[in-house]
Amino acid sequence: MPSQDPTVVILLATRNGAEFLQPQLDSFRAQTYGNWALLVSDDGSTDDTVEIIQRFASSVPQPVVIVPGPQKGFWQNFVMLVRSEAINGDLFAYSDQDDIWFPEKLARAVDWFNVRAELPALYFTRTELMHGDGTPAGFSPLFTRAPMFRNALVQNIGGGNTMVFNRSARAALLTTPTDAELVSHDWWTYQVVTGIGGDAYYDPWPSLKYRQHGQNIVGANIGWRARMVRLTALANGRVVSWNEVNLRVLSRMRDTLTPENAGVVDLYARARRASWPMRLWLIWKSGVYRQSLVENIGLSVGALFGKI
């Protein structure tokens, strides 16, 4: 890192978030690490979202900048924040509009980055879950296998609301074609940073309270309901379409991938097109994996039936 006191730019995407926004902003104020700035992309809110942020901006010493969002969807809003030059920083932290960060969230991430060279790096954590009314709802899954490209290609274990990345990682993200379609901003971040050989670290310490309610675009990926959602996605072809989107972007960024990871992409792409006797062998040879035994069995079954 260029400094022991790096500036963290919080990338907050908002859209009609007035109901839950104030507790999230208050959790920024309560951070034990104070060298942060807030960049907000508001995606056409028609409620009091912008006014709430403006009042917050007048009450804190840190810089707060609001820019108009693209109004094309959630991941497009985050991608615009990544590309924005409105605030310069050393580290960048995605933020949803309805969570509550724990006071040590930024400090813990900064500590991890401070012992690393200026190579592309990504930090993300487990989360504590809460219902819409703020009551506890458990924890997100505890992942134990290494976060690396062979995992990122077939599974996103990095919750965007926990992610922090450095300038080198941001530079890599900026090489993504501007017209590229993505599945989600956090999966894209996980794939690109690990794909180019960057360092990814999953911290098992929960860094925030992740609100679960009817307006969630992406849920917590835990429990039997989440497993049924994943099985349904496999059965109805959504996984196939997600893979097509991801592989299309990665093929356009092939020159930025390490030779080893480019080879992984090639083998996985071949497995999707191969006749069924070859699919499992190509999956095995590619080395791709999900985090649990059950999920890896599901990956193999999906490959056998042409559902990946």
C-alpha atoms as a PDB file:
ATOM      1  CA  MET A   1       0.000   0.000   0.000  1.00  0.00           C
ATOM      2  CA  PRO A   2       1.203   3.563  -0.689  1.00  0.00           C
ATOM      3  CA  SER A   3       0.370   4.640   2.852  1.00  0.00           C
ATOM      4  CA  GLN A   4      -0.352   3.190   6.265  1.00  0.00           C
ATOM      5  CA  ASP A   5      -3.451   5.378   6.267  1.00  0.00           C
ATOM      6  CA  PRO A   6      -5.058   4.638   2.879  1.00  0.00           C
ATOM      7  CA  THR A   7      -8.249   6.334   1.783  1.00  0.00           C
ATOM      8  CA  VAL A   8     -11.151   3.897   1.463  1.00  0.00           C
ATOM      9  CA  VAL A   9     -13.823   4.953  -1.022  1.00  0.00           C
ATOM     10  CA  ILE A  10     -17.192   3.440  -0.065  1.00  0.00           C
ATOM     11  CA  LEU A  11     -19.135   2.670  -3.257  1.00  0.00           C
ATOM     12  CA  LEU A  12     -22.803   2.904  -2.244  1.00  0.00           C
ATOM     13  CA  ALA A  13     -25.452   2.045  -4.837  1.00  0.00           C
ATOM     14  CA  THR A  14     -28.926   3.319  -3.967  1.00  0.00           C
ATOM     15  CA  ARG A  15     -32.413   3.184  -5.360  1.00  0.00           C
ATOM     16  CA  ASN A  16     -35.492   3.995  -3.264  1.00  0.00           C
ATOM     17  CA  GLY A  17     -33.651   2.907  -0.113  1.00  0.00           C
ATOM     18  CA  ALA A  18     -35.090   5.409   2.364  1.00  0.00           C
ATOM     19  CA  GLU A  19     -36.686   2.760   4.591  1.00  0.00           C
ATOM     20  CA  PHE A  20     -33.381   1.218   5.708  1.00  0.00           C
ATOM     21  CA  LEU A  21     -30.719   3.688   4.580  1.00  0.00           C
ATOM     22  CA  GLN A  22     -30.171   5.715   7.757  1.00  0.00           C
ATOM     23  CA  PRO A  23     -28.865   2.805   9.905  1.00  0.00           C
ATOM     24  CA  GLN A  24     -26.377   1.967   7.150  1.00  0.00           C
ATOM     25  CA  LEU A  25     -25.137   5.552   6.987  1.00  0.00           C
ATOM     26  CA  ASP A  26     -24.892   5.640  10.781  1.00  0.00           C
ATOM     27  CA  SER A  27     -22.702   2.532  10.619  1.00  0.00           C
ATOM     28  CA  PHE A  28     -20.325   4.390   8.278  1.00  0.00           C
ATOM     29  CA  ARG A  29     -20.131   7.183  10.852  1.00  0.00           C
ATOM     30  CA  ALA A  30     -19.333   4.620  13.585  1.00  0.00           C
ATOM     31  CA  GLN A  31     -16.341   3.093  11.765  1.00  0.00           C
ATOM     32  CA  THR A  32     -13.216   2.903  13.909  1.00  0.00           C
ATOM     33  CA  TYR A  33     -11.236   3.653  10.739  1.00  0.00           C
ATOM     34  CA  GLY A  34     -11.983   7.241   9.807  1.00  0.00           C
ATOM     35  CA  ASN A  35     -10.112   7.830   6.540  1.00  0.00           C
ATOM     36  CA  TRP A  36     -12.988   7.046   4.221  1.00  0.00           C
ATOM     37  CA  ALA A  37     -14.955   8.885   1.567  1.00  0.00           C
ATOM     38  CA  LEU A  38     -18.449   8.066   0.321  1.00  0.00           C
ATOM     39  CA  LEU A  39     -19.369   7.898  -3.356  1.00  0.00           C
ATOM     40  CA  VAL A  40     -23.069   7.319  -3.975  1.00  0.00           C
ATOM     41  CA  SER A  41     -24.655   6.397  -7.288  1.00  0.00           C
ATOM     42  CA  ASP A  42     -28.383   6.963  -6.956  1.00  0.00           C
ATOM     43  CA  ASP A  43     -30.327   5.088  -9.594  1.00  0.00           C
ATOM     44  CA  GLY A  44     -33.322   7.408  -9.928  1.00  0.00           C
ATOM     45  CA  SER A  45     -34.812   7.247  -6.431  1.00  0.00           C
ATOM     46  CA  THR A  46     -38.287   8.734  -6.064  1.00  0.00           C
ATOM     47  CA  ASP A  47     -38.368   8.563  -2.249  1.00  0.00           C
ATOM     48  CA  ASP A  48     -36.238  10.466   0.313  1.00  0.00           C
ATOM     49  CA  THR A  49     -33.004   8.578  -0.408  1.00  0.00           C
ATOM     50  CA  VAL A  50     -31.049  11.526  -1.798  1.00  0.00           C
ATOM     51  CA  GLU A  51     -32.250  13.895   0.925  1.00  0.00           C
ATOM     52  CA  ILE A  52     -31.177  11.426   3.629  1.00  0.00           C
ATOM     53  CA  ILE A  53     -27.695  11.201   2.095  1.00  0.00           C
ATOM     54  CA  GLN A  54     -27.432  14.970   1.797  1.00  0.00           C
ATOM     55  CA  ARG A  55     -28.279  15.398   5.488  1.00  0.00           C
ATOM     56  CA  PHE A  56     -25.688  12.752   6.348  1.00  0.00           C
ATOM     57  CA  ALA A  57     -23.081  14.533   4.213  1.00  0.00           C
ATOM     58  CA  SER A  58     -23.566  17.729   6.188  1.00  0.00           C
ATOM     59  CA  SER A  59     -23.028  15.893   9.477  1.00  0.00           C
ATOM     60  CA  VAL A  60     -19.698  14.127   8.814  1.00  0.00           C
ATOM     61  CA  PRO A  61     -16.199  15.466   8.035  1.00  0.00           C
ATOM     62  CA  GLN A  62     -15.566  12.858   5.342  1.00  0.00           C
ATOM     63  CA  PRO A  63     -16.219  13.697   1.659  1.00  0.00           C
ATOM     64  CA  VAL A  64     -19.600  12.584   0.310  1.00  0.00           C
ATOM     65  CA  VAL A  65     -20.364  12.780  -3.416  1.00  0.00           C
ATOM     66  CA  ILE A  66     -23.635  11.801  -5.086  1.00  0.00           C
ATOM     67  CA  VAL A  67     -23.730  11.023  -8.806  1.00  0.00           C
ATOM     68  CA  PRO A  68     -26.701   9.983 -10.977  1.00  0.00           C
ATOM     69  CA  GLY A  69     -26.863   6.277 -11.699  1.00  0.00           C
ATOM     70  CA  PRO A  70     -27.349   4.687 -15.141  1.00  0.00           C
ATOM     71  CA  GLN A  71     -30.852   3.400 -14.274  1.00  0.00           C
ATOM     72  CA  LYS A  72     -30.228   0.094 -16.011  1.00  0.00           C
ATOM     73  CA  GLY A  73     -30.095  -2.313 -13.051  1.00  0.00           C
ATOM     74  CA  PHE A  74     -28.213  -3.123  -9.855  1.00  0.00           C
ATOM     75  CA  TRP A  75     -24.945  -4.407 -11.310  1.00  0.00           C
ATOM     76  CA  GLN A  76     -24.770  -1.588 -13.836  1.00  0.00           C
ATOM     77  CA  ASN A  77     -25.053   0.860 -10.934  1.00  0.00           C
ATOM     78  CA  PHE A  78     -22.086  -0.725  -9.145  1.00  0.00           C
ATOM     79  CA  VAL A  79     -20.010  -0.941 -12.332  1.00  0.00           C
ATOM     80  CA  MET A  80     -20.562   2.781 -12.872  1.00  0.00           C
ATOM     81  CA  LEU A  81     -19.251   3.408  -9.349  1.00  0.00           C
ATOM     82  CA  VAL A  82     -16.121   1.370 -10.105  1.00  0.00           C
ATOM     83  CA  ARG A  83     -15.554   3.408 -13.271  1.00  0.00           C
ATOM     84  CA  SER A  84     -16.275   6.778 -11.658  1.00  0.00           C
ATOM     85  CA  GLU A  85     -13.443   9.281 -11.211  1.00  0.00           C
ATOM     86  CA  ALA A  86     -15.486  11.458  -8.827  1.00  0.00           C
ATOM     87  CA  ILE A  87     -13.366  10.461  -5.798  1.00  0.00           C
ATOM     88  CA  ASN A  88      -9.807   9.102  -5.759  1.00  0.00           C
ATOM     89  CA  GLY A  89      -8.812   6.461  -3.244  1.00  0.00           C
ATOM     90  CA  ASP A  90      -6.484   3.606  -2.367  1.00  0.00           C
ATOM     91  CA  LEU A  91      -9.120   1.009  -1.498  1.00  0.00           C
ATOM     92  CA  PHE A  92     -12.713   0.590  -2.657  1.00  0.00           C
ATOM     93  CA  ALA A  93     -15.563  -0.984  -0.685  1.00  0.00           C
ATOM     94  CA  TYR A  94     -18.897  -1.971  -2.208  1.00  0.00           C
ATOM     95  CA  SER A  95     -21.916  -1.150  -0.059  1.00  0.00           C
ATOM     96  CA  ASP A  96     -25.585  -2.025  -0.234  1.00  0.00           C
ATOM     97  CA  GLN A  97     -28.128   0.488   1.035  1.00  0.00           C
ATOM     98  CA  ASP A  98     -29.831  -1.607   3.700  1.00  0.00           C
ATOM     99  CA  ASP A  99     -27.125  -3.399   5.714  1.00  0.00           C
ATOM    100  CA  ILE A 100     -25.438  -2.361   8.967  1.00  0.00           C
ATOM    101  CA  TRP A 101     -21.639  -2.462   9.041  1.00  0.00           C
ATOM    102  CA  PHE A 102     -19.829  -3.472  12.203  1.00  0.00           C
ATOM    103  CA  PRO A 103     -17.524  -0.703  13.506  1.00  0.00           C
ATOM    104  CA  GLU A 104     -14.318  -2.615  12.713  1.00  0.00           C
ATOM    105  CA  LYS A 105     -15.268  -3.491   9.119  1.00  0.00           C
ATOM    106  CA  LEU A 106     -12.989  -1.042   7.341  1.00  0.00           C
ATOM    107  CA  ALA A 107     -10.188  -1.225   9.917  1.00  0.00           C
ATOM    108  CA  ARG A 108      -9.925  -4.994   9.549  1.00  0.00           C
ATOM    109  CA  ALA A 109      -9.808  -4.777   5.762  1.00  0.00           C
ATOM    110  CA  VAL A 110      -7.184  -2.011   5.836  1.00  0.00           C
ATOM    111  CA  ASP A 111      -5.018  -4.092   8.186  1.00  0.00           C
ATOM    112  CA  TRP A 112      -5.087  -6.950   5.681  1.00  0.00           C
ATOM    113  CA  PHE A 113      -4.128  -4.712   2.758  1.00  0.00           C
ATOM    114  CA  ASN A 114      -1.388  -2.915   4.684  1.00  0.00           C
ATOM    115  CA  VAL A 115       0.830  -6.017   4.746  1.00  0.00           C
ATOM    116  CA  ARG A 116       0.522  -6.559   0.984  1.00  0.00           C
ATOM    117  CA  ALA A 117       2.341  -5.140  -1.988  1.00  0.00           C
ATOM    118  CA  GLU A 118       0.424  -3.128  -4.549  1.00  0.00           C
ATOM    119  CA  LEU A 119      -0.688  -6.225  -6.463  1.00  0.00           C
ATOM    120  CA  PRO A 120      -4.352  -6.824  -7.349  1.00  0.00           C
ATOM    121  CA  ALA A 121      -6.095  -7.964  -4.173  1.00  0.00           C
ATOM    122  CA  LEU A 122      -9.637  -8.587  -2.986  1.00  0.00           C
ATOM    123  CA  TYR A 123     -10.917  -8.983   0.582  1.00  0.00           C
ATOM    124  CA  PHE A 124     -14.384 -10.240   1.545  1.00  0.00           C
ATOM    125  CA  THR A 125     -16.038 -11.759   4.608  1.00  0.00           C
ATOM    126  CA  ARG A 126     -18.782 -13.813   6.096  1.00  0.00           C
ATOM    127  CA  THR A 127     -21.976 -11.978   7.112  1.00  0.00           C
ATOM    128  CA  GLU A 128     -24.405 -12.021  10.013  1.00  0.00           C
ATOM    129  CA  LEU A 129     -27.981 -12.201   8.746  1.00  0.00           C
ATOM    130  CA  MET A 130     -30.942 -10.225  10.018  1.00  0.00           C
ATOM    131  CA  HIS A 131     -34.616 -10.083   9.133  1.00  0.00           C
ATOM    132  CA  GLY A 132     -36.156  -6.952   7.709  1.00  0.00           C
ATOM    133  CA  ASP A 133     -37.011  -5.745  11.206  1.00  0.00           C
ATOM    134  CA  GLY A 134     -33.391  -6.163  12.353  1.00  0.00           C
ATOM    135  CA  THR A 135     -33.851  -9.345  14.401  1.00  0.00           C
ATOM    136  CA  PRO A 136     -31.098 -12.009  14.060  1.00  0.00           C
ATOM    137  CA  ALA A 137     -31.421 -14.610  11.300  1.00  0.00           C
ATOM    138  CA  GLY A 138     -28.197 -16.618  11.606  1.00  0.00           C
ATOM    139  CA  PHE A 139     -25.057 -16.406   9.503  1.00  0.00           C
ATOM    140  CA  SER A 140     -24.044 -16.864   5.896  1.00  0.00           C
ATOM    141  CA  PRO A 141     -22.228 -20.126   5.017  1.00  0.00           C
ATOM    142  CA  LEU A 142     -18.730 -20.585   6.390  1.00  0.00           C
ATOM    143  CA  PHE A 143     -16.496 -21.354   3.420  1.00  0.00           C
ATOM    144  CA  THR A 144     -13.365 -23.418   3.992  1.00  0.00           C
ATOM    145  CA  ARG A 145     -11.850 -24.001   0.559  1.00  0.00           C
ATOM    146  CA  ALA A 146      -9.440 -21.491  -0.952  1.00  0.00           C
ATOM    147  CA  PRO A 147     -10.896 -18.525  -2.847  1.00  0.00           C
ATOM    148  CA  MET A 148      -9.283 -18.772  -6.277  1.00  0.00           C
ATOM    149  CA  PHE A 149     -10.209 -18.681  -9.946  1.00  0.00           C
ATOM    150  CA  ARG A 150     -11.078 -22.384 -10.145  1.00  0.00           C
ATOM    151  CA  ASN A 151     -13.793 -21.677  -7.591  1.00  0.00           C
ATOM    152  CA  ALA A 152     -14.780 -18.264  -8.966  1.00  0.00           C
ATOM    153  CA  LEU A 153     -15.506 -19.694 -12.410  1.00  0.00           C
ATOM    154  CA  VAL A 154     -18.360 -21.847 -11.069  1.00  0.00           C
ATOM    155  CA  GLN A 155     -19.387 -20.164  -7.793  1.00  0.00           C
ATOM    156  CA  ASN A 156     -19.467 -16.712  -6.275  1.00  0.00           C
ATOM    157  CA  ILE A 157     -18.578 -16.891  -2.588  1.00  0.00           C
ATOM    158  CA  GLY A 158     -17.823 -13.183  -2.238  1.00  0.00           C
ATOM    159  CA  GLY A 159     -20.752 -11.112  -1.046  1.00  0.00           C
ATOM    160  CA  GLY A 160     -20.418  -7.765  -2.760  1.00  0.00           C
ATOM    161  CA  ASN A 161     -21.563  -5.947   0.368  1.00  0.00           C
ATOM    162  CA  THR A 162     -18.420  -7.216   2.148  1.00  0.00           C
ATOM    163  CA  MET A 163     -15.899  -6.714  -0.672  1.00  0.00           C
ATOM    164  CA  VAL A 164     -12.931  -4.341  -0.480  1.00  0.00           C
ATOM    165  CA  PHE A 165     -10.357  -4.144  -3.298  1.00  0.00           C
ATOM    166  CA  ASN A 166      -7.280  -2.081  -4.059  1.00  0.00           C
ATOM    167  CA  ARG A 167      -6.304   0.232  -6.916  1.00  0.00           C
ATOM    168  CA  SER A 168      -4.568  -2.533  -8.858  1.00  0.00           C
ATOM    169  CA  ALA A 169      -7.721  -4.660  -8.704  1.00  0.00           C
ATOM    170  CA  ARG A 170      -9.791  -1.669  -9.809  1.00  0.00           C
ATOM    171  CA  ALA A 171      -7.432  -1.138 -12.751  1.00  0.00           C
ATOM    172  CA  ALA A 172      -8.019  -4.749 -13.775  1.00  0.00           C
ATOM    173  CA  LEU A 173     -11.779  -4.311 -13.531  1.00  0.00           C
ATOM    174  CA  LEU A 174     -11.532  -1.249 -15.759  1.00  0.00           C
ATOM    175  CA  THR A 175     -10.156  -3.418 -18.579  1.00  0.00           C
ATOM    176  CA  THR A 176     -13.605  -5.010 -18.870  1.00  0.00           C
ATOM    177  CA  PRO A 177     -15.268  -3.920 -22.126  1.00  0.00           C
ATOM    178  CA  THR A 178     -17.752  -1.153 -21.388  1.00  0.00           C
ATOM    179  CA  ASP A 179     -20.500  -2.918 -23.342  1.00  0.00           C
ATOM    180  CA  ALA A 180     -20.044  -6.254 -21.541  1.00  0.00           C
ATOM    181  CA  GLU A 181     -23.060  -7.888 -19.889  1.00  0.00           C
ATOM    182  CA  LEU A 182     -22.521  -9.306 -16.387  1.00  0.00           C
ATOM    183  CA  VAL A 183     -24.409 -11.627 -14.053  1.00  0.00           C
ATOM    184  CA  SER A 184     -23.492  -9.570 -10.977  1.00  0.00           C
ATOM    185  CA  HIS A 185     -20.865  -7.025  -9.996  1.00  0.00           C
ATOM    186  CA  ASP A 186     -19.453  -9.149  -7.143  1.00  0.00           C
ATOM    187  CA  TRP A 187     -19.073 -12.337  -9.175  1.00  0.00           C
ATOM    188  CA  TRP A 188     -17.381 -10.275 -11.891  1.00  0.00           C
ATOM    189  CA  THR A 189     -15.011  -8.819  -9.293  1.00  0.00           C
ATOM    190  CA  TYR A 190     -14.155 -12.256  -7.873  1.00  0.00           C
ATOM    191  CA  GLN A 191     -13.526 -13.731 -11.328  1.00  0.00           C
ATOM    192  CA  VAL A 192     -11.450 -10.864 -12.717  1.00  0.00           C
ATOM    193  CA  VAL A 193      -9.198 -10.385  -9.688  1.00  0.00           C
ATOM    194  CA  THR A 194      -8.451 -14.093  -9.292  1.00  0.00           C
ATOM    195  CA  GLY A 195      -8.348 -14.648 -13.059  1.00  0.00           C
ATOM    196  CA  ILE A 196      -5.441 -12.234 -13.513  1.00  0.00           C
ATOM    197  CA  GLY A 197      -3.553 -13.902 -10.659  1.00  0.00           C
ATOM    198  CA  GLY A 198      -4.572 -11.467  -7.924  1.00  0.00           C
ATOM    199  CA  ASP A 199      -4.843 -12.347  -4.268  1.00  0.00           C
ATOM    200  CA  ALA A 200      -8.281 -13.081  -2.766  1.00  0.00           C
ATOM    201  CA  TYR A 201      -8.922 -13.541   0.936  1.00  0.00           C
ATOM    202  CA  TYR A 202     -12.114 -14.765   2.610  1.00  0.00           C
ATOM    203  CA  ASP A 203     -12.316 -13.596   6.219  1.00  0.00           C
ATOM    204  CA  PRO A 204     -14.555 -15.879   8.327  1.00  0.00           C
ATOM    205  CA  TRP A 205     -15.262 -12.941  10.645  1.00  0.00           C
ATOM    206  CA  PRO A 206     -18.701 -11.443   9.856  1.00  0.00           C
ATOM    207  CA  SER A 207     -18.216  -7.778   8.953  1.00  0.00           C
ATOM    208  CA  LEU A 208     -21.823  -6.640   8.759  1.00  0.00           C
ATOM    209  CA  LYS A 209     -25.475  -7.398   9.328  1.00  0.00           C
ATOM    210  CA  TYR A 210     -27.017  -8.411   6.019  1.00  0.00           C
ATOM    211  CA  ARG A 211     -30.711  -7.531   5.893  1.00  0.00           C
ATOM    212  CA  GLN A 212     -33.007 -10.192   4.431  1.00  0.00           C
ATOM    213  CA  HIS A 213     -36.360  -8.888   3.190  1.00  0.00           C
ATOM    214  CA  GLY A 214     -38.714  -9.003   0.247  1.00  0.00           C
ATOM    215  CA  GLN A 215     -36.773  -6.399  -1.713  1.00  0.00           C
ATOM    216  CA  ASN A 216     -33.464  -8.297  -1.725  1.00  0.00           C
ATOM    217  CA  ILE A 217     -32.197  -8.723  -5.270  1.00  0.00           C
ATOM    218  CA  VAL A 218     -29.714 -11.369  -4.122  1.00  0.00           C
ATOM    219  CA  GLY A 219     -30.240 -13.403  -0.953  1.00  0.00           C
ATOM    220  CA  ALA A 220     -27.882 -14.889   1.587  1.00  0.00           C
ATOM    221  CA  ASN A 221     -27.422 -18.275  -0.142  1.00  0.00           C
ATOM    222  CA  ILE A 222     -28.116 -20.303   3.005  1.00  0.00           C
ATOM    223  CA  GLY A 223     -30.616 -22.938   4.129  1.00  0.00           C
ATOM    224  CA  TRP A 224     -32.927 -25.345   2.341  1.00  0.00           C
ATOM    225  CA  ARG A 225     -34.763 -22.588   0.491  1.00  0.00           C
ATOM    226  CA  ALA A 226     -31.478 -21.370  -0.993  1.00  0.00           C
ATOM    227  CA  ARG A 227     -30.552 -24.933  -1.963  1.00  0.00           C
ATOM    228  CA  MET A 228     -33.899 -25.315  -3.736  1.00  0.00           C
ATOM    229  CA  VAL A 229     -33.306 -22.040  -5.563  1.00  0.00           C
ATOM    230  CA  ARG A 230     -29.937 -23.325  -6.777  1.00  0.00           C
ATOM    231  CA  LEU A 231     -31.410 -26.655  -7.859  1.00  0.00           C
ATOM    232  CA  THR A 232     -34.174 -24.839  -9.716  1.00  0.00           C
ATOM    233  CA  ALA A 233     -31.601 -22.616 -11.398  1.00  0.00           C
ATOM    234  CA  LEU A 234     -29.801 -25.755 -12.578  1.00  0.00           C
ATOM    235  CA  ALA A 235     -32.982 -27.386 -13.801  1.00  0.00           C
ATOM    236  CA  ASN A 236     -34.449 -24.421 -15.641  1.00  0.00           C
ATOM    237  CA  GLY A 237     -31.267 -23.449 -17.433  1.00  0.00           C
ATOM    238  CA  ARG A 238     -30.379 -20.282 -15.525  1.00  0.00           C
ATOM    239  CA  VAL A 239     -26.953 -21.708 -14.665  1.00  0.00           C
ATOM    240  CA  VAL A 240     -26.378 -22.299 -18.377  1.00  0.00           C
ATOM    241  CA  SER A 241     -27.207 -18.689 -19.174  1.00  0.00           C
ATOM    242  CA  TRP A 242     -25.038 -17.396 -16.290  1.00  0.00           C
ATOM    243  CA  ASN A 243     -22.100 -19.444 -17.556  1.00  0.00           C
ATOM    244  CA  GLU A 244     -22.602 -18.132 -21.075  1.00  0.00           C
ATOM    245  CA  VAL A 245     -22.524 -14.547 -19.812  1.00  0.00           C
ATOM    246  CA  ASN A 246     -19.424 -15.130 -17.667  1.00  0.00           C
ATOM    247  CA  LEU A 247     -17.518 -17.032 -20.340  1.00  0.00           C
ATOM    248  CA  ARG A 248     -18.346 -14.417 -22.957  1.00  0.00           C
ATOM    249  CA  VAL A 249     -16.818 -11.671 -20.790  1.00  0.00           C
ATOM    250  CA  LEU A 250     -13.784 -13.772 -19.855  1.00  0.00           C
ATOM    251  CA  SER A 251     -13.128 -14.657 -23.494  1.00  0.00           C
ATOM    252  CA  ARG A 252     -13.033 -10.932 -24.320  1.00  0.00           C
ATOM    253  CA  MET A 253     -10.557 -10.426 -21.456  1.00  0.00           C
ATOM    254  CA  ARG A 254      -8.463 -13.489 -22.229  1.00  0.00           C
ATOM    255  CA  ASP A 255      -5.228 -11.530 -22.629  1.00  0.00           C
ATOM    256  CA  THR A 256      -5.470 -10.323 -19.016  1.00  0.00           C
ATOM    257  CA  LEU A 257      -5.827 -13.839 -17.555  1.00  0.00           C
ATOM    258  CA  THR A 258      -2.846 -15.883 -16.433  1.00  0.00           C
ATOM    259  CA  PRO A 259      -1.999 -18.693 -18.904  1.00  0.00           C
ATOM    260  CA  GLU A 260      -3.070 -21.242 -16.298  1.00  0.00           C
ATOM    261  CA  ASN A 261      -6.449 -19.618 -15.754  1.00  0.00           C
ATOM    262  CA  ALA A 262      -6.994 -19.146 -19.483  1.00  0.00           C
ATOM    263  CA  GLY A 263      -6.491 -22.909 -19.751  1.00  0.00           C
ATOM    264  CA  VAL A 264      -9.079 -23.487 -17.018  1.00  0.00           C
ATOM    265  CA  VAL A 265     -11.586 -21.405 -18.985  1.00  0.00           C
ATOM    266  CA  ASP A 266     -10.857 -23.420 -22.143  1.00  0.00           C
ATOM    267  CA  LEU A 267     -11.362 -26.777 -20.417  1.00  0.00           C
ATOM    268  CA  TYR A 268     -14.573 -25.669 -18.713  1.00  0.00           C
ATOM    269  CA  ALA A 269     -15.931 -24.288 -21.989  1.00  0.00           C
ATOM    270  CA  ARG A 270     -15.086 -27.590 -23.718  1.00  0.00           C
ATOM    271  CA  ALA A 271     -16.834 -29.538 -20.957  1.00  0.00           C
ATOM    272  CA  ARG A 272     -20.031 -27.599 -21.628  1.00  0.00           C
ATOM    273  CA  ARG A 273     -19.941 -28.541 -25.330  1.00  0.00           C
ATOM    274  CA  ALA A 274     -18.577 -32.092 -25.119  1.00  0.00           C
ATOM    275  CA  SER A 275     -20.536 -35.314 -25.498  1.00  0.00           C
ATOM    276  CA  TRP A 276     -21.604 -36.688 -22.134  1.00  0.00           C
ATOM    277  CA  PRO A 277     -18.853 -39.315 -21.619  1.00  0.00           C
ATOM    278  CA  MET A 278     -16.227 -36.556 -21.848  1.00  0.00           C
ATOM    279  CA  ARG A 279     -17.910 -33.929 -19.680  1.00  0.00           C
ATOM    280  CA  LEU A 280     -16.942 -35.247 -16.257  1.00  0.00           C
ATOM    281  CA  TRP A 281     -13.355 -35.863 -17.318  1.00  0.00           C
ATOM    282  CA  LEU A 282     -13.021 -32.299 -18.646  1.00  0.00           C
ATOM    283  CA  ILE A 283     -14.590 -30.887 -15.488  1.00  0.00           C
ATOM    284  CA  TRP A 284     -12.123 -32.885 -13.402  1.00  0.00           C
ATOM    285  CA  LYS A 285      -9.181 -31.832 -15.595  1.00  0.00           C
ATOM    286  CA  SER A 286     -10.155 -28.148 -15.362  1.00  0.00           C
ATOM    287  CA  GLY A 287      -9.963 -28.342 -11.574  1.00  0.00           C
ATOM    288  CA  VAL A 288     -13.039 -26.169 -11.022  1.00  0.00           C
ATOM    289  CA  TYR A 289     -14.800 -26.671  -7.714  1.00  0.00           C
ATOM    290  CA  ARG A 290     -17.550 -25.440  -5.470  1.00  0.00           C
ATOM    291  CA  GLN A 291     -17.222 -25.129  -1.711  1.00  0.00           C
ATOM    292  CA  SER A 292     -19.106 -28.205  -0.470  1.00  0.00           C
ATOM    293  CA  LEU A 293     -19.350 -31.884  -1.378  1.00  0.00           C
ATOM    294  CA  VAL A 294     -23.077 -31.592  -2.128  1.00  0.00           C
ATOM    295  CA  GLU A 295     -22.480 -28.619  -4.427  1.00  0.00           C
ATOM    296  CA  ASN A 296     -19.695 -30.441  -6.255  1.00  0.00           C
ATOM    297  CA  ILE A 297     -21.987 -33.416  -6.781  1.00  0.00           C
ATOM    298  CA  GLY A 298     -24.531 -30.975  -8.172  1.00  0.00           C
ATOM    299  CA  LEU A 299     -21.868 -29.569 -10.509  1.00  0.00           C
ATOM    300  CA  SER A 300     -21.099 -33.060 -11.795  1.00  0.00           C
ATOM    301  CA  VAL A 301     -24.774 -33.927 -12.250  1.00  0.00           C
ATOM    302  CA  GLY A 302     -25.328 -30.646 -14.036  1.00  0.00           C
ATOM    303  CA  ALA A 303     -22.425 -31.437 -16.361  1.00  0.00           C
ATOM    304  CA  LEU A 304     -23.809 -34.888 -17.151  1.00  0.00           C
ATOM    305  CA  PHE A 305     -27.189 -33.455 -18.140  1.00  0.00           C
ATOM    306  CA  GLY A 306     -25.847 -30.451 -20.019  1.00  0.00           C
ATOM    307  CA  LYS A 307     -27.018 -27.972 -17.381  1.00  0.00           C
ATOM    308  CA  ILE A 308     -23.821 -26.009 -16.832  1.00  0.00           C
END
